[in-house]
Amino acid sequence: QVQLVESGGGLVQAGRSLRLSCAASGSIFSFAAMGWYRQTPGNQRELVARILKGGMTNYADSVKGRFTISRDNAKNTVYLQMNSLKPEDTAVYYCNAAGFTGVYWGQGTQVTVSS
C-alpha cells in the first residue's frame, strides 16, 4: 500500500507562485503515471497535470504554460510548480498515482488564490 502526502498549499495572491510536493511512502518508479488533480465544492475532480513513467506530460488547457509537473524518482516525489496563479486556480489539489497495484490518492492540499 502506497501512501501519498501532499504539501505546499496555502494562500497566495494572484500572479504569484506555489510549488506543491507529493511524497510517496514507497518507490514511484513503477507507477505508470502520476498526476495532480483539483476539486472545488460541488464539482468533479479534474485532471490538472500528469506525467508518465517515460517522462511524457500532459496538462489541462487552463494551466498550460503556467504549471509544470515533474517527478524525482530518487526522492519518490512528484512536484507541481504553479506560476502566474489565478483566483480560478483555487481548489483542493490531490496527488494521484496509478500502476499495476492500483490507483492511489493523497489527502489533498488547499490552494487559495486571492485577487
PDB file of N, CA and C in Angstrom:
ATOM      1  N   GLN A   1       0.845  -1.187   0.000  1.00  0.00           N
ATOM      2  CA  GLN A   1       0.000   0.000   0.000  1.00  0.00           C
ATOM      3  C   GLN A   1       0.889   1.248   0.000  1.00  0.00           C
ATOM      4  N   VAL A   2       0.716   2.079  -0.975  1.00  0.00           N
ATOM      5  CA  VAL A   2       1.494   3.306  -1.083  1.00  0.00           C
ATOM      6  C   VAL A   2       0.687   4.454  -0.504  1.00  0.00           C
ATOM      7  N   GLN A   3       1.320   5.256   0.291  1.00  0.00           N
ATOM      8  CA  GLN A   3       0.678   6.461   0.801  1.00  0.00           C
ATOM      9  C   GLN A   3       1.287   7.683   0.142  1.00  0.00           C
ATOM     10  N   LEU A   4       0.433   8.629  -0.205  1.00  0.00           N
ATOM     11  CA  LEU A   4       0.853   9.867  -0.841  1.00  0.00           C
ATOM     12  C   LEU A   4       0.529  11.024   0.085  1.00  0.00           C
ATOM     13  N   VAL A   5       1.489  11.893   0.299  1.00  0.00           N
ATOM     14  CA  VAL A   5       1.301  13.030   1.192  1.00  0.00           C
ATOM     15  C   VAL A   5       1.649  14.312   0.448  1.00  0.00           C
ATOM     16  N   GLU A   6       0.641  15.166   0.284  1.00  0.00           N
ATOM     17  CA  GLU A   6       0.857  16.443  -0.396  1.00  0.00           C
ATOM     18  C   GLU A   6       1.277  17.513   0.596  1.00  0.00           C
ATOM     19  N   SER A   7       2.000  18.484   0.091  1.00  0.00           N
ATOM     20  CA  SER A   7       2.366  19.654   0.892  1.00  0.00           C
ATOM     21  C   SER A   7       2.614  20.821  -0.051  1.00  0.00           C
ATOM     22  N   GLY A   8       2.663  22.019   0.527  1.00  0.00           N
ATOM     23  CA  GLY A   8       2.986  23.197  -0.268  1.00  0.00           C
ATOM     24  C   GLY A   8       1.821  24.102  -0.588  1.00  0.00           C
ATOM     25  N   GLY A   9       0.624  23.688  -0.226  1.00  0.00           N
ATOM     26  CA  GLY A   9      -0.526  24.537  -0.482  1.00  0.00           C
ATOM     27  C   GLY A   9      -0.547  25.739   0.445  1.00  0.00           C
ATOM     28  N   GLY A  10      -1.489  26.638   0.185  1.00  0.00           N
ATOM     29  CA  GLY A  10      -1.606  27.812   1.041  1.00  0.00           C
ATOM     30  C   GLY A  10      -2.366  28.917   0.362  1.00  0.00           C
ATOM     31  N   LEU A  11      -2.278  30.103   0.955  1.00  0.00           N
ATOM     32  CA  LEU A  11      -2.939  31.300   0.437  1.00  0.00           C
ATOM     33  C   LEU A  11      -1.898  32.163  -0.259  1.00  0.00           C
ATOM     34  N   VAL A  12      -2.211  32.569  -1.484  1.00  0.00           N
ATOM     35  CA  VAL A  12      -1.269  33.358  -2.257  1.00  0.00           C
ATOM     36  C   VAL A  12      -2.038  34.367  -3.096  1.00  0.00           C
ATOM     37  N   GLN A  13      -1.410  35.480  -3.392  1.00  0.00           N
ATOM     38  CA  GLN A  13      -2.047  36.490  -4.236  1.00  0.00           C
ATOM     39  C   GLN A  13      -1.963  36.103  -5.706  1.00  0.00           C
ATOM     40  N   ALA A  14      -2.900  36.566  -6.466  1.00  0.00           N
ATOM     41  CA  ALA A  14      -2.892  36.308  -7.903  1.00  0.00           C
ATOM     42  C   ALA A  14      -1.582  36.798  -8.517  1.00  0.00           C
ATOM     43  N   GLY A  15      -1.067  36.005  -9.444  1.00  0.00           N
ATOM     44  CA  GLY A  15       0.180  36.337 -10.102  1.00  0.00           C
ATOM     45  C   GLY A  15       1.409  35.726  -9.457  1.00  0.00           C
ATOM     46  N   ARG A  16       1.254  35.227  -8.238  1.00  0.00           N
ATOM     47  CA  ARG A  16       2.382  34.639  -7.533  1.00  0.00           C
ATOM     48  C   ARG A  16       2.486  33.147  -7.848  1.00  0.00           C
ATOM     49  N   SER A  17       3.464  32.499  -7.197  1.00  0.00           N
ATOM     50  CA  SER A  17       3.740  31.089  -7.472  1.00  0.00           C
ATOM     51  C   SER A  17       3.660  30.247  -6.211  1.00  0.00           C
ATOM     52  N   LEU A  18       3.402  28.963  -6.416  1.00  0.00           N
ATOM     53  CA  LEU A  18       3.464  27.958  -5.372  1.00  0.00           C
ATOM     54  C   LEU A  18       4.028  26.692  -5.975  1.00  0.00           C
ATOM     55  N   ARG A  19       4.682  25.895  -5.137  1.00  0.00           N
ATOM     56  CA  ARG A  19       5.121  24.574  -5.584  1.00  0.00           C
ATOM     57  C   ARG A  19       4.542  23.530  -4.653  1.00  0.00           C
ATOM     58  N   LEU A  20       3.784  22.633  -5.219  1.00  0.00           N
ATOM     59  CA  LEU A  20       3.232  21.520  -4.459  1.00  0.00           C
ATOM     60  C   LEU A  20       4.169  20.319  -4.560  1.00  0.00           C
ATOM     61  N   SER A  21       4.240  19.578  -3.477  1.00  0.00           N
ATOM     62  CA  SER A  21       5.036  18.350  -3.452  1.00  0.00           C
ATOM     63  C   SER A  21       4.153  17.181  -3.057  1.00  0.00           C
ATOM     64  N   CYS A  22       4.446  16.037  -3.603  1.00  0.00           N
ATOM     65  CA  CYS A  22       3.726  14.808  -3.266  1.00  0.00           C
ATOM     66  C   CYS A  22       4.782  13.750  -2.956  1.00  0.00           C
ATOM     67  N   ALA A  23       4.894  13.419  -1.703  1.00  0.00           N
ATOM     68  CA  ALA A  23       5.877  12.437  -1.275  1.00  0.00           C
ATOM     69  C   ALA A  23       5.204  11.076  -1.105  1.00  0.00           C
ATOM     70  N   ALA A  24       5.793  10.062  -1.737  1.00  0.00           N
ATOM     71  CA  ALA A  24       5.244   8.707  -1.650  1.00  0.00           C
ATOM     72  C   ALA A  24       6.001   7.900  -0.600  1.00  0.00           C
ATOM     73  N   SER A  25       5.273   6.996   0.048  1.00  0.00           N
ATOM     74  CA  SER A  25       5.891   6.175   1.086  1.00  0.00           C
ATOM     75  C   SER A  25       6.774   5.077   0.498  1.00  0.00           C
ATOM     76  N   GLY A  26       6.563   4.794  -0.787  1.00  0.00           N
ATOM     77  CA  GLY A  26       7.379   3.794  -1.448  1.00  0.00           C
ATOM     78  C   GLY A  26       7.902   4.319  -2.764  1.00  0.00           C
ATOM     79  N   SER A  27       8.494   3.434  -3.528  1.00  0.00           N
ATOM     80  CA  SER A  27       9.063   3.839  -4.805  1.00  0.00           C
ATOM     81  C   SER A  27       7.974   4.235  -5.786  1.00  0.00           C
ATOM     82  N   ILE A  28       8.202   5.324  -6.494  1.00  0.00           N
ATOM     83  CA  ILE A  28       7.252   5.756  -7.524  1.00  0.00           C
ATOM     84  C   ILE A  28       7.697   5.310  -8.899  1.00  0.00           C
ATOM     85  N   PHE A  29       8.857   4.668  -8.949  1.00  0.00           N
ATOM     86  CA  PHE A  29       9.427   4.324 -10.246  1.00  0.00           C
ATOM     87  C   PHE A  29       8.503   3.421 -11.059  1.00  0.00           C
ATOM     88  N   SER A  30       7.788   2.539 -10.366  1.00  0.00           N
ATOM     89  CA  SER A  30       6.973   1.555 -11.079  1.00  0.00           C
ATOM     90  C   SER A  30       5.626   2.099 -11.523  1.00  0.00           C
ATOM     91  N   PHE A  31       5.253   3.254 -11.039  1.00  0.00           N
ATOM     92  CA  PHE A  31       3.939   3.780 -11.413  1.00  0.00           C
ATOM     93  C   PHE A  31       3.946   4.239 -12.872  1.00  0.00           C
ATOM     94  N   ALA A  32       2.928   3.825 -13.587  1.00  0.00           N
ATOM     95  CA  ALA A  32       2.828   4.206 -14.992  1.00  0.00           C
ATOM     96  C   ALA A  32       2.568   5.701 -15.149  1.00  0.00           C
ATOM     97  N   ALA A  33       1.835   6.250 -14.199  1.00  0.00           N
ATOM     98  CA  ALA A  33       1.515   7.668 -14.299  1.00  0.00           C
ATOM     99  C   ALA A  33       1.332   8.246 -12.909  1.00  0.00           C
ATOM    100  N   MET A  34       1.745   9.483 -12.769  1.00  0.00           N
ATOM    101  CA  MET A  34       1.465  10.224 -11.549  1.00  0.00           C
ATOM    102  C   MET A  34       0.922  11.588 -11.968  1.00  0.00           C
ATOM    103  N   GLY A  35      -0.005  12.078 -11.164  1.00  0.00           N
ATOM    104  CA  GLY A  35      -0.624  13.323 -11.581  1.00  0.00           C
ATOM    105  C   GLY A  35      -1.155  14.148 -10.434  1.00  0.00           C
ATOM    106  N   TRP A  36      -1.599  15.310 -10.795  1.00  0.00           N
ATOM    107  CA  TRP A  36      -2.258  16.243  -9.881  1.00  0.00           C
ATOM    108  C   TRP A  36      -3.656  16.519 -10.400  1.00  0.00           C
ATOM    109  N   TYR A  37      -4.601  16.439  -9.509  1.00  0.00           N
ATOM    110  CA  TYR A  37      -5.989  16.752  -9.804  1.00  0.00           C
ATOM    111  C   TYR A  37      -6.425  17.854  -8.840  1.00  0.00           C
ATOM    112  N   ARG A  38      -7.530  18.502  -9.169  1.00  0.00           N
ATOM    113  CA  ARG A  38      -8.065  19.506  -8.255  1.00  0.00           C
ATOM    114  C   ARG A  38      -9.585  19.436  -8.244  1.00  0.00           C
ATOM    115  N   GLN A  39     -10.126  19.913  -7.135  1.00  0.00           N
ATOM    116  CA  GLN A  39     -11.564  19.851  -6.956  1.00  0.00           C
ATOM    117  C   GLN A  39     -12.036  21.063  -6.171  1.00  0.00           C
ATOM    118  N   THR A  40     -13.148  21.643  -6.653  1.00  0.00           N
ATOM    119  CA  THR A  40     -13.812  22.727  -5.947  1.00  0.00           C
ATOM    120  C   THR A  40     -15.176  22.237  -5.479  1.00  0.00           C
ATOM    121  N   PRO A  41     -15.739  22.865  -4.465  1.00  0.00           N
ATOM    122  CA  PRO A  41     -17.021  22.402  -3.923  1.00  0.00           C
ATOM    123  C   PRO A  41     -18.099  22.297  -4.996  1.00  0.00           C
ATOM    124  N   GLY A  42     -18.772  21.176  -5.011  1.00  0.00           N
ATOM    125  CA  GLY A  42     -19.867  20.956  -5.940  1.00  0.00           C
ATOM    126  C   GLY A  42     -19.441  20.520  -7.330  1.00  0.00           C
ATOM    127  N   ASN A  43     -18.155  20.376  -7.534  1.00  0.00           N
ATOM    128  CA  ASN A  43     -17.652  19.997  -8.858  1.00  0.00           C
ATOM    129  C   ASN A  43     -16.872  18.691  -8.800  1.00  0.00           C
ATOM    130  N   GLN A  44     -16.737  18.069  -9.966  1.00  0.00           N
ATOM    131  CA  GLN A  44     -15.960  16.838 -10.037  1.00  0.00           C
ATOM    132  C   GLN A  44     -14.468  17.139  -9.988  1.00  0.00           C
ATOM    133  N   ARG A  45     -13.726  16.157  -9.539  1.00  0.00           N
ATOM    134  CA  ARG A  45     -12.279  16.278  -9.535  1.00  0.00           C
ATOM    135  C   ARG A  45     -11.808  16.283 -10.988  1.00  0.00           C
ATOM    136  N   GLU A  46     -10.901  17.201 -11.296  1.00  0.00           N
ATOM    137  CA  GLU A  46     -10.428  17.317 -12.675  1.00  0.00           C
ATOM    138  C   GLU A  46      -8.908  17.189 -12.738  1.00  0.00           C
ATOM    139  N   LEU A  47      -8.459  16.646 -13.849  1.00  0.00           N
ATOM    140  CA  LEU A  47      -7.022  16.500 -14.052  1.00  0.00           C
ATOM    141  C   LEU A  47      -6.390  17.868 -14.300  1.00  0.00           C
ATOM    142  N   VAL A  48      -5.291  18.116 -13.603  1.00  0.00           N
ATOM    143  CA  VAL A  48      -4.514  19.334 -13.809  1.00  0.00           C
ATOM    144  C   VAL A  48      -3.288  19.022 -14.663  1.00  0.00           C
ATOM    145  N   ALA A  49      -2.537  18.013 -14.247  1.00  0.00           N
ATOM    146  CA  ALA A  49      -1.311  17.651 -14.961  1.00  0.00           C
ATOM    147  C   ALA A  49      -0.970  16.213 -14.645  1.00  0.00           C
ATOM    148  N   ARG A  50      -0.318  15.564 -15.602  1.00  0.00           N
ATOM    149  CA  ARG A  50       0.055  14.167 -15.424  1.00  0.00           C
ATOM    150  C   ARG A  50       1.408  13.937 -16.067  1.00  0.00           C
ATOM    151  N   ILE A  51       2.191  13.070 -15.453  1.00  0.00           N
ATOM    152  CA  ILE A  51       3.489  12.716 -16.010  1.00  0.00           C
ATOM    153  C   ILE A  51       3.585  11.204 -16.056  1.00  0.00           C
ATOM    154  N   LEU A  52       3.951  10.703 -17.225  1.00  0.00           N
ATOM    155  CA  LEU A  52       4.046   9.262 -17.412  1.00  0.00           C
ATOM    156  C   LEU A  52       5.440   8.772 -17.028  1.00  0.00           C
ATOM    157  N   LYS A  53       5.566   7.473 -16.924  1.00  0.00           N
ATOM    158  CA  LYS A  53       6.825   6.888 -16.489  1.00  0.00           C
ATOM    159  C   LYS A  53       7.968   7.298 -17.400  1.00  0.00           C
ATOM    160  N   GLY A  54       7.690   7.426 -18.691  1.00  0.00           N
ATOM    161  CA  GLY A  54       8.739   7.777 -19.644  1.00  0.00           C
ATOM    162  C   GLY A  54       9.051   9.267 -19.681  1.00  0.00           C
ATOM    163  N   GLY A  55       8.268  10.042 -18.914  1.00  0.00           N
ATOM    164  CA  GLY A  55       8.531  11.477 -18.848  1.00  0.00           C
ATOM    165  C   GLY A  55       7.560  12.337 -19.632  1.00  0.00           C
ATOM    166  N   MET A  56       6.718  11.715 -20.445  1.00  0.00           N
ATOM    167  CA  MET A  56       5.743  12.498 -21.189  1.00  0.00           C
ATOM    168  C   MET A  56       4.762  13.144 -20.223  1.00  0.00           C
ATOM    169  N   THR A  57       4.381  14.387 -20.539  1.00  0.00           N
ATOM    170  CA  THR A  57       3.466  15.125 -19.678  1.00  0.00           C
ATOM    171  C   THR A  57       2.254  15.595 -20.456  1.00  0.00           C
ATOM    172  N   ASN A  58       1.163  15.797 -19.751  1.00  0.00           N
ATOM    173  CA  ASN A  58       0.030  16.493 -20.349  1.00  0.00           C
ATOM    174  C   ASN A  58      -0.645  17.339 -19.297  1.00  0.00           C
ATOM    175  N   TYR A  59      -1.292  18.392 -19.771  1.00  0.00           N
ATOM    176  CA  TYR A  59      -1.851  19.415 -18.899  1.00  0.00           C
ATOM    177  C   TYR A  59      -3.266  19.778 -19.323  1.00  0.00           C
ATOM    178  N   ALA A  60      -4.033  20.221 -18.347  1.00  0.00           N
ATOM    179  CA  ALA A  60      -5.317  20.812 -18.662  1.00  0.00           C
ATOM    180  C   ALA A  60      -5.063  22.109 -19.431  1.00  0.00           C
ATOM    181  N   ASP A  61      -5.946  22.418 -20.351  1.00  0.00           N
ATOM    182  CA  ASP A  61      -5.774  23.631 -21.164  1.00  0.00           C
ATOM    183  C   ASP A  61      -5.674  24.872 -20.289  1.00  0.00           C
ATOM    184  N   SER A  62      -6.378  24.877 -19.181  1.00  0.00           N
ATOM    185  CA  SER A  62      -6.437  26.056 -18.328  1.00  0.00           C
ATOM    186  C   SER A  62      -5.119  26.354 -17.617  1.00  0.00           C
ATOM    187  N   VAL A  63      -4.205  25.380 -17.570  1.00  0.00           N
ATOM    188  CA  VAL A  63      -2.952  25.602 -16.851  1.00  0.00           C
ATOM    189  C   VAL A  63      -1.727  25.524 -17.763  1.00  0.00           C
ATOM    190  N   LYS A  64      -1.925  25.207 -19.023  1.00  0.00           N
ATOM    191  CA  LYS A  64      -0.790  25.101 -19.948  1.00  0.00           C
ATOM    192  C   LYS A  64      -0.004  26.411 -19.984  1.00  0.00           C
ATOM    193  N   GLY A  65       1.313  26.270 -19.901  1.00  0.00           N
ATOM    194  CA  GLY A  65       2.172  27.444 -19.928  1.00  0.00           C
ATOM    195  C   GLY A  65       2.384  28.082 -18.572  1.00  0.00           C
ATOM    196  N   ARG A  66       1.606  27.663 -17.586  1.00  0.00           N
ATOM    197  CA  ARG A  66       1.742  28.238 -16.237  1.00  0.00           C
ATOM    198  C   ARG A  66       2.204  27.192 -15.219  1.00  0.00           C
ATOM    199  N   PHE A  67       1.756  25.963 -15.377  1.00  0.00           N
ATOM    200  CA  PHE A  67       2.083  24.893 -14.431  1.00  0.00           C
ATOM    201  C   PHE A  67       3.059  23.912 -15.066  1.00  0.00           C
ATOM    202  N   THR A  68       3.918  23.341 -14.228  1.00  0.00           N
ATOM    203  CA  THR A  68       4.867  22.337 -14.691  1.00  0.00           C
ATOM    204  C   THR A  68       4.902  21.186 -13.692  1.00  0.00           C
ATOM    205  N   ILE A  69       4.707  19.982 -14.198  1.00  0.00           N
ATOM    206  CA  ILE A  69       4.789  18.797 -13.354  1.00  0.00           C
ATOM    207  C   ILE A  69       6.137  18.122 -13.579  1.00  0.00           C
ATOM    208  N   SER A  70       6.693  17.586 -12.504  1.00  0.00           N
ATOM    209  CA  SER A  70       7.960  16.866 -12.613  1.00  0.00           C
ATOM    210  C   SER A  70       7.984  15.769 -11.556  1.00  0.00           C
ATOM    211  N   ARG A  71       8.865  14.810 -11.759  1.00  0.00           N
ATOM    212  CA  ARG A  71       8.984  13.720 -10.795  1.00  0.00           C
ATOM    213  C   ARG A  71      10.459  13.445 -10.525  1.00  0.00           C
ATOM    214  N   ASP A  72      10.753  13.159  -9.277  1.00  0.00           N
ATOM    215  CA  ASP A  72      12.106  12.803  -8.859  1.00  0.00           C
ATOM    216  C   ASP A  72      12.027  11.390  -8.302  1.00  0.00           C
ATOM    217  N   ASN A  73      12.382  10.420  -9.125  1.00  0.00           N
ATOM    218  CA  ASN A  73      12.258   9.026  -8.701  1.00  0.00           C
ATOM    219  C   ASN A  73      13.157   8.711  -7.507  1.00  0.00           C
ATOM    220  N   ALA A  74      14.307   9.361  -7.429  1.00  0.00           N
ATOM    221  CA  ALA A  74      15.232   9.098  -6.323  1.00  0.00           C
ATOM    222  C   ALA A  74      14.633   9.539  -4.983  1.00  0.00           C
ATOM    223  N   LYS A  75      13.818  10.582  -5.021  1.00  0.00           N
ATOM    224  CA  LYS A  75      13.197  11.086  -3.796  1.00  0.00           C
ATOM    225  C   LYS A  75      11.757  10.617  -3.652  1.00  0.00           C
ATOM    226  N   ASN A  76      11.280   9.832  -4.609  1.00  0.00           N
ATOM    227  CA  ASN A  76       9.890   9.356  -4.573  1.00  0.00           C
ATOM    228  C   ASN A  76       8.916  10.518  -4.400  1.00  0.00           C
ATOM    229  N   THR A  77       9.149  11.552  -5.173  1.00  0.00           N
ATOM    230  CA  THR A  77       8.360  12.770  -5.028  1.00  0.00           C
ATOM    231  C   THR A  77       7.959  13.315  -6.391  1.00  0.00           C
ATOM    232  N   VAL A  78       6.751  13.819  -6.459  1.00  0.00           N
ATOM    233  CA  VAL A  78       6.246  14.499  -7.643  1.00  0.00           C
ATOM    234  C   VAL A  78       5.953  15.944  -7.266  1.00  0.00           C
ATOM    235  N   TYR A  79       6.248  16.832  -8.176  1.00  0.00           N
ATOM    236  CA  TYR A  79       6.074  18.258  -7.906  1.00  0.00           C
ATOM    237  C   TYR A  79       5.105  18.877  -8.907  1.00  0.00           C
ATOM    238  N   LEU A  80       4.483  19.950  -8.475  1.00  0.00           N
ATOM    239  CA  LEU A  80       3.686  20.771  -9.382  1.00  0.00           C
ATOM    240  C   LEU A  80       4.082  22.221  -9.133  1.00  0.00           C
ATOM    241  N   GLN A  81       4.821  22.784 -10.069  1.00  0.00           N
ATOM    242  CA  GLN A  81       5.193  24.193  -9.991  1.00  0.00           C
ATOM    243  C   GLN A  81       4.074  25.003 -10.625  1.00  0.00           C
ATOM    244  N   MET A  82       3.501  25.898  -9.852  1.00  0.00           N
ATOM    245  CA  MET A  82       2.370  26.696 -10.324  1.00  0.00           C
ATOM    246  C   MET A  82       2.771  28.157 -10.355  1.00  0.00           C
ATOM    247  N   ASN A  83       2.833  28.721 -11.533  1.00  0.00           N
ATOM    248  CA  ASN A  83       3.195  30.125 -11.715  1.00  0.00           C
ATOM    249  C   ASN A  83       1.988  30.913 -12.213  1.00  0.00           C
ATOM    250  N   SER A  84       2.077  32.218 -12.068  1.00  0.00           N
ATOM    251  CA  SER A  84       1.016  33.114 -12.554  1.00  0.00           C
ATOM    252  C   SER A  84      -0.356  32.633 -12.094  1.00  0.00           C
ATOM    253  N   LEU A  85      -0.462  32.365 -10.832  1.00  0.00           N
ATOM    254  CA  LEU A  85      -1.705  31.812 -10.292  1.00  0.00           C
ATOM    255  C   LEU A  85      -2.869  32.787 -10.451  1.00  0.00           C
ATOM    256  N   LYS A  86      -4.037  32.217 -10.660  1.00  0.00           N
ATOM    257  CA  LYS A  86      -5.257  32.987 -10.843  1.00  0.00           C
ATOM    258  C   LYS A  86      -6.278  32.577  -9.772  1.00  0.00           C
ATOM    259  N   PRO A  87      -7.216  33.445  -9.466  1.00  0.00           N
ATOM    260  CA  PRO A  87      -8.247  33.080  -8.482  1.00  0.00           C
ATOM    261  C   PRO A  87      -8.976  31.786  -8.856  1.00  0.00           C
ATOM    262  N   GLU A  88      -9.158  31.541 -10.138  1.00  0.00           N
ATOM    263  CA  GLU A  88      -9.850  30.322 -10.572  1.00  0.00           C
ATOM    264  C   GLU A  88      -9.030  29.054 -10.361  1.00  0.00           C
ATOM    265  N   ASP A  89      -7.775  29.200  -9.948  1.00  0.00           N
ATOM    266  CA  ASP A  89      -6.967  28.029  -9.584  1.00  0.00           C
ATOM    267  C   ASP A  89      -7.252  27.571  -8.158  1.00  0.00           C
ATOM    268  N   THR A  90      -8.036  28.332  -7.427  1.00  0.00           N
ATOM    269  CA  THR A  90      -8.375  27.965  -6.058  1.00  0.00           C
ATOM    270  C   THR A  90      -9.108  26.628  -6.031  1.00  0.00           C
ATOM    271  N   ALA A  91      -8.587  25.704  -5.239  1.00  0.00           N
ATOM    272  CA  ALA A  91      -9.150  24.356  -5.171  1.00  0.00           C
ATOM    273  C   ALA A  91      -8.356  23.535  -4.162  1.00  0.00           C
ATOM    274  N   VAL A  92      -8.865  22.357  -3.884  1.00  0.00           N
ATOM    275  CA  VAL A  92      -8.070  21.357  -3.170  1.00  0.00           C
ATOM    276  C   VAL A  92      -7.345  20.536  -4.229  1.00  0.00           C
ATOM    277  N   TYR A  93      -6.045  20.428  -4.095  1.00  0.00           N
ATOM    278  CA  TYR A  93      -5.228  19.719  -5.058  1.00  0.00           C
ATOM    279  C   TYR A  93      -4.853  18.343  -4.487  1.00  0.00           C
ATOM    280  N   TYR A  94      -5.055  17.331  -5.323  1.00  0.00           N
ATOM    281  CA  TYR A  94      -4.803  15.949  -4.913  1.00  0.00           C
ATOM    282  C   TYR A  94      -3.722  15.323  -5.787  1.00  0.00           C
ATOM    283  N   CYS A  95      -2.850  14.589  -5.144  1.00  0.00           N
ATOM    284  CA  CYS A  95      -1.849  13.806  -5.856  1.00  0.00           C
ATOM    285  C   CYS A  95      -2.428  12.433  -6.174  1.00  0.00           C
ATOM    286  N   ASN A  96      -2.051  11.896  -7.313  1.00  0.00           N
ATOM    287  CA  ASN A  96      -2.567  10.605  -7.768  1.00  0.00           C
ATOM    288  C   ASN A  96      -1.435   9.776  -8.337  1.00  0.00           C
ATOM    289  N   ALA A  97      -1.488   8.482  -8.062  1.00  0.00           N
ATOM    290  CA  ALA A  97      -0.521   7.554  -8.640  1.00  0.00           C
ATOM    291  C   ALA A  97      -1.280   6.348  -9.172  1.00  0.00           C
ATOM    292  N   ALA A  98      -0.925   5.914 -10.366  1.00  0.00           N
ATOM    293  CA  ALA A  98      -1.618   4.787 -10.994  1.00  0.00           C
ATOM    294  C   ALA A  98      -0.594   3.795 -11.527  1.00  0.00           C
ATOM    295  N   GLY A  99      -0.826   2.517 -11.216  1.00  0.00           N
ATOM    296  CA  GLY A  99       0.066   1.479 -11.693  1.00  0.00           C
ATOM    297  C   GLY A  99      -0.592   0.121 -11.601  1.00  0.00           C
ATOM    298  N   PHE A 100       0.198  -0.923 -11.735  1.00  0.00           N
ATOM    299  CA  PHE A 100      -0.344  -2.283 -11.729  1.00  0.00           C
ATOM    300  C   PHE A 100      -0.979  -2.644 -10.392  1.00  0.00           C
ATOM    301  N   THR A 101      -0.511  -2.029  -9.311  1.00  0.00           N
ATOM    302  CA  THR A 101      -1.036  -2.373  -7.991  1.00  0.00           C
ATOM    303  C   THR A 101      -2.302  -1.602  -7.641  1.00  0.00           C
ATOM    304  N   GLY A 102      -2.665  -0.638  -8.467  1.00  0.00           N
ATOM    305  CA  GLY A 102      -3.890   0.107  -8.196  1.00  0.00           C
ATOM    306  C   GLY A 102      -3.725   1.596  -8.397  1.00  0.00           C
ATOM    307  N   VAL A 103      -4.732   2.315  -7.925  1.00  0.00           N
ATOM    308  CA  VAL A 103      -4.746   3.775  -8.009  1.00  0.00           C
ATOM    309  C   VAL A 103      -4.762   4.328  -6.589  1.00  0.00           C
ATOM    310  N   TYR A 104      -3.913   5.309  -6.355  1.00  0.00           N
ATOM    311  CA  TYR A 104      -3.767   5.853  -5.022  1.00  0.00           C
ATOM    312  C   TYR A 104      -3.968   7.360  -5.043  1.00  0.00           C
ATOM    313  N   TRP A 105      -4.510   7.870  -3.925  1.00  0.00           N
ATOM    314  CA  TRP A 105      -4.755   9.311  -3.784  1.00  0.00           C
ATOM    315  C   TRP A 105      -4.162   9.811  -2.475  1.00  0.00           C
ATOM    316  N   GLY A 106      -3.711  11.056  -2.508  1.00  0.00           N
ATOM    317  CA  GLY A 106      -3.330  11.731  -1.286  1.00  0.00           C
ATOM    318  C   GLY A 106      -4.538  12.348  -0.626  1.00  0.00           C
ATOM    319  N   GLN A 107      -4.305  12.998   0.500  1.00  0.00           N
ATOM    320  CA  GLN A 107      -5.418  13.565   1.267  1.00  0.00           C
ATOM    321  C   GLN A 107      -5.814  14.951   0.770  1.00  0.00           C
ATOM    322  N   GLY A 108      -4.994  15.548  -0.060  1.00  0.00           N
ATOM    323  CA  GLY A 108      -5.315  16.851  -0.635  1.00  0.00           C
ATOM    324  C   GLY A 108      -4.666  17.998   0.122  1.00  0.00           C
ATOM    325  N   THR A 109      -4.400  19.068  -0.607  1.00  0.00           N
ATOM    326  CA  THR A 109      -3.864  20.283  -0.006  1.00  0.00           C
ATOM    327  C   THR A 109      -4.598  21.478  -0.616  1.00  0.00           C
ATOM    328  N   GLN A 110      -4.990  22.403   0.229  1.00  0.00           N
ATOM    329  CA  GLN A 110      -5.781  23.546  -0.225  1.00  0.00           C
ATOM    330  C   GLN A 110      -4.887  24.614  -0.826  1.00  0.00           C
ATOM    331  N   VAL A 111      -5.280  25.086  -1.986  1.00  0.00           N
ATOM    332  CA  VAL A 111      -4.633  26.231  -2.621  1.00  0.00           C
ATOM    333  C   VAL A 111      -5.694  27.314  -2.782  1.00  0.00           C
ATOM    334  N   THR A 112      -5.422  28.477  -2.239  1.00  0.00           N
ATOM    335  CA  THR A 112      -6.353  29.602  -2.340  1.00  0.00           C
ATOM    336  C   THR A 112      -5.612  30.780  -2.948  1.00  0.00           C
ATOM    337  N   VAL A 113      -6.143  31.300  -4.035  1.00  0.00           N
ATOM    338  CA  VAL A 113      -5.532  32.423  -4.731  1.00  0.00           C
ATOM    339  C   VAL A 113      -6.467  33.629  -4.599  1.00  0.00           C
ATOM    340  N   SER A 114      -5.965  34.668  -3.980  1.00  0.00           N
ATOM    341  CA  SER A 114      -6.772  35.872  -3.780  1.00  0.00           C
ATOM    342  C   SER A 114      -6.536  36.861  -4.914  1.00  0.00           C
ATOM    343  N   SER A 115      -7.572  37.626  -5.217  1.00  0.00           N
ATOM    344  CA  SER A 115      -7.465  38.591  -6.321  1.00  0.00           C
ATOM    345  C   SER A 115      -6.952  39.927  -5.829  1.00  0.00           C
TER     346      SER A 115
END
